[in-house]
Amino acid sequence: MAVITNTNAKSGVVYAGKMVTLITLSKTNITQAELDVCTQHIGTTATIVGIGDDTAGGFNTGASDVVHVLVEGPVPAVGANYGGATGVTAAAVAAFFE
């Protein structure tokens, strides 16, 4: 496993800079309306940098099962029925700090 050392870090600072998180939204055949609810929920505390999914040609309403959302800033708590979208489960896959 790779080890990365930040030579510019200050020992007294726990966090300073950008936080970028990769979130997955999972449900069989996610609809556009469900995606809209989830992205609006994310937008309450963070900025969406990009959205991708598991199907060819981009998001396909009613066909995509997993949508990946790259987010900058604090992310609302993840879990089931994310943001009020019934059946959509959100998971934080990875978080990066600058």
C-alpha atoms as a PDB file:
ATOM      1  CA  MET A   1       0.000   0.000   0.000  1.00  0.00           C
ATOM      2  CA  ALA A   2       1.279   3.433  -0.904  1.00  0.00           C
ATOM      3  CA  VAL A   3       2.159   5.890   1.831  1.00  0.00           C
ATOM      4  CA  ILE A   4       1.852   9.582   1.073  1.00  0.00           C
ATOM      5  CA  THR A   5       3.527  12.231   3.192  1.00  0.00           C
ATOM      6  CA  ASN A   6       2.404  15.840   3.058  1.00  0.00           C
ATOM      7  CA  THR A   7       5.612  17.818   3.573  1.00  0.00           C
ATOM      8  CA  ASN A   8       3.641  21.086   3.771  1.00  0.00           C
ATOM      9  CA  ALA A   9       1.377  19.998   6.639  1.00  0.00           C
ATOM     10  CA  LYS A  10       1.491  21.882   9.897  1.00  0.00           C
ATOM     11  CA  SER A  11       1.446  19.611  12.938  1.00  0.00           C
ATOM     12  CA  GLY A  12      -0.940  21.856  14.860  1.00  0.00           C
ATOM     13  CA  VAL A  13      -3.597  21.845  12.121  1.00  0.00           C
ATOM     14  CA  VAL A  14      -6.018  18.959  12.008  1.00  0.00           C
ATOM     15  CA  TYR A  15      -7.800  20.029   8.815  1.00  0.00           C
ATOM     16  CA  ALA A  16      -7.274  22.930   6.453  1.00  0.00           C
ATOM     17  CA  GLY A  17      -8.244  22.967   2.808  1.00  0.00           C
ATOM     18  CA  LYS A  18     -10.700  21.195   0.572  1.00  0.00           C
ATOM     19  CA  MET A  19     -12.558  18.013   1.355  1.00  0.00           C
ATOM     20  CA  VAL A  20     -13.588  15.915  -1.650  1.00  0.00           C
ATOM     21  CA  THR A  21     -15.791  12.838  -1.206  1.00  0.00           C
ATOM     22  CA  LEU A  22     -16.955  10.147  -3.626  1.00  0.00           C
ATOM     23  CA  ILE A  23     -20.518   9.053  -2.855  1.00  0.00           C
ATOM     24  CA  THR A  24     -22.431   6.209  -4.475  1.00  0.00           C
ATOM     25  CA  LEU A  25     -26.203   6.253  -4.788  1.00  0.00           C
ATOM     26  CA  SER A  26     -27.557   2.732  -5.216  1.00  0.00           C
ATOM     27  CA  LYS A  27     -30.985   1.422  -6.215  1.00  0.00           C
ATOM     28  CA  THR A  28     -32.243  -0.774  -9.025  1.00  0.00           C
ATOM     29  CA  ASN A  29     -33.347   1.505 -11.869  1.00  0.00           C
ATOM     30  CA  ILE A  30     -32.864   4.925 -10.280  1.00  0.00           C
ATOM     31  CA  THR A  31     -35.180   7.519 -11.811  1.00  0.00           C
ATOM     32  CA  GLN A  32     -34.373  11.113 -12.704  1.00  0.00           C
ATOM     33  CA  ALA A  33     -36.717  12.307  -9.944  1.00  0.00           C
ATOM     34  CA  GLU A  34     -34.861  10.199  -7.347  1.00  0.00           C
ATOM     35  CA  LEU A  35     -31.504  11.477  -8.580  1.00  0.00           C
ATOM     36  CA  ASP A  36     -32.816  15.050  -8.376  1.00  0.00           C
ATOM     37  CA  VAL A  37     -33.905  14.541  -4.748  1.00  0.00           C
ATOM     38  CA  CYS A  38     -30.495  13.121  -3.816  1.00  0.00           C
ATOM     39  CA  THR A  39     -28.497  15.844  -5.557  1.00  0.00           C
ATOM     40  CA  GLN A  40     -30.634  18.572  -4.000  1.00  0.00           C
ATOM     41  CA  HIS A  41     -29.967  16.995  -0.592  1.00  0.00           C
ATOM     42  CA  ILE A  42     -26.219  16.916  -1.226  1.00  0.00           C
ATOM     43  CA  GLY A  43     -26.368  20.531  -2.397  1.00  0.00           C
ATOM     44  CA  THR A  44     -27.605  21.696   1.001  1.00  0.00           C
ATOM     45  CA  THR A  45     -24.063  21.394   2.415  1.00  0.00           C
ATOM     46  CA  ALA A  46     -21.709  20.646  -0.474  1.00  0.00           C
ATOM     47  CA  THR A  47     -20.912  21.411  -4.108  1.00  0.00           C
ATOM     48  CA  ILE A  48     -21.354  18.652  -6.679  1.00  0.00           C
ATOM     49  CA  VAL A  49     -18.251  18.423  -8.852  1.00  0.00           C
ATOM     50  CA  GLY A  50     -19.412  15.626 -11.132  1.00  0.00           C
ATOM     51  CA  ILE A  51     -21.876  12.761 -11.599  1.00  0.00           C
ATOM     52  CA  GLY A  52     -21.271   9.438 -13.356  1.00  0.00           C
ATOM     53  CA  ASP A  53     -22.996   6.078 -13.422  1.00  0.00           C
ATOM     54  CA  ASP A  54     -22.736   2.397 -14.270  1.00  0.00           C
ATOM     55  CA  THR A  55     -24.345   2.474 -17.736  1.00  0.00           C
ATOM     56  CA  ALA A  56     -22.961   3.355 -21.144  1.00  0.00           C
ATOM     57  CA  GLY A  57     -23.608   6.880 -22.354  1.00  0.00           C
ATOM     58  CA  GLY A  58     -24.193   8.509 -18.974  1.00  0.00           C
ATOM     59  CA  PHE A  59     -27.163   8.455 -16.621  1.00  0.00           C
ATOM     60  CA  ASN A  60     -30.160   6.565 -17.987  1.00  0.00           C
ATOM     61  CA  THR A  61     -33.309   7.191 -15.985  1.00  0.00           C
ATOM     62  CA  GLY A  62     -34.914   3.918 -14.967  1.00  0.00           C
ATOM     63  CA  ALA A  63     -31.846   1.912 -16.053  1.00  0.00           C
ATOM     64  CA  SER A  64     -28.917   3.065 -13.905  1.00  0.00           C
ATOM     65  CA  ASP A  65     -28.386   1.098 -10.680  1.00  0.00           C
ATOM     66  CA  VAL A  66     -25.375   2.934  -9.230  1.00  0.00           C
ATOM     67  CA  VAL A  67     -24.644   6.641  -9.581  1.00  0.00           C
ATOM     68  CA  HIS A  68     -21.305   8.087  -8.453  1.00  0.00           C
ATOM     69  CA  VAL A  69     -21.279  11.662  -7.172  1.00  0.00           C
ATOM     70  CA  LEU A  70     -18.044  13.580  -6.598  1.00  0.00           C
ATOM     71  CA  VAL A  71     -18.624  16.221  -3.926  1.00  0.00           C
ATOM     72  CA  GLU A  72     -16.572  19.084  -2.485  1.00  0.00           C
ATOM     73  CA  GLY A  73     -17.362  20.131   1.074  1.00  0.00           C
ATOM     74  CA  PRO A  74     -19.214  18.525   3.963  1.00  0.00           C
ATOM     75  CA  VAL A  75     -21.559  15.731   2.918  1.00  0.00           C
ATOM     76  CA  PRO A  76     -24.961  15.162   4.548  1.00  0.00           C
ATOM     77  CA  ALA A  77     -25.068  11.881   6.508  1.00  0.00           C
ATOM     78  CA  VAL A  78     -25.264   8.885   4.165  1.00  0.00           C
ATOM     79  CA  GLY A  79     -27.626   5.925   4.492  1.00  0.00           C
ATOM     80  CA  ALA A  80     -30.941   4.495   3.316  1.00  0.00           C
ATOM     81  CA  ASN A  81     -33.721   6.570   1.731  1.00  0.00           C
ATOM     82  CA  TYR A  82     -31.146   9.256   1.069  1.00  0.00           C
ATOM     83  CA  GLY A  83     -32.501  12.778   1.176  1.00  0.00           C
ATOM     84  CA  GLY A  84     -36.025  11.356   1.131  1.00  0.00           C
ATOM     85  CA  ALA A  85     -35.588   9.296  -2.061  1.00  0.00           C
ATOM     86  CA  THR A  86     -37.294   6.014  -1.110  1.00  0.00           C
ATOM     87  CA  GLY A  87     -35.093   2.988  -1.696  1.00  0.00           C
ATOM     88  CA  VAL A  88     -31.948   4.929  -2.623  1.00  0.00           C
ATOM     89  CA  THR A  89     -28.966   4.131  -0.411  1.00  0.00           C
ATOM     90  CA  ALA A  90     -25.987   6.478  -0.252  1.00  0.00           C
ATOM     91  CA  ALA A  91     -22.496   5.411   0.803  1.00  0.00           C
ATOM     92  CA  ALA A  92     -19.320   7.430   1.154  1.00  0.00           C
ATOM     93  CA  VAL A  93     -16.734   5.443  -0.812  1.00  0.00           C
ATOM     94  CA  ALA A  94     -13.708   7.664  -0.229  1.00  0.00           C
ATOM     95  CA  ALA A  95     -12.860  11.039   1.262  1.00  0.00           C
ATOM     96  CA  PHE A  96      -9.843  13.125   0.311  1.00  0.00           C
ATOM     97  CA  PHE A  97      -8.425  16.110   2.171  1.00  0.00           C
ATOM     98  CA  GLU A  98      -6.130  18.667   0.580  1.00  0.00           C
END
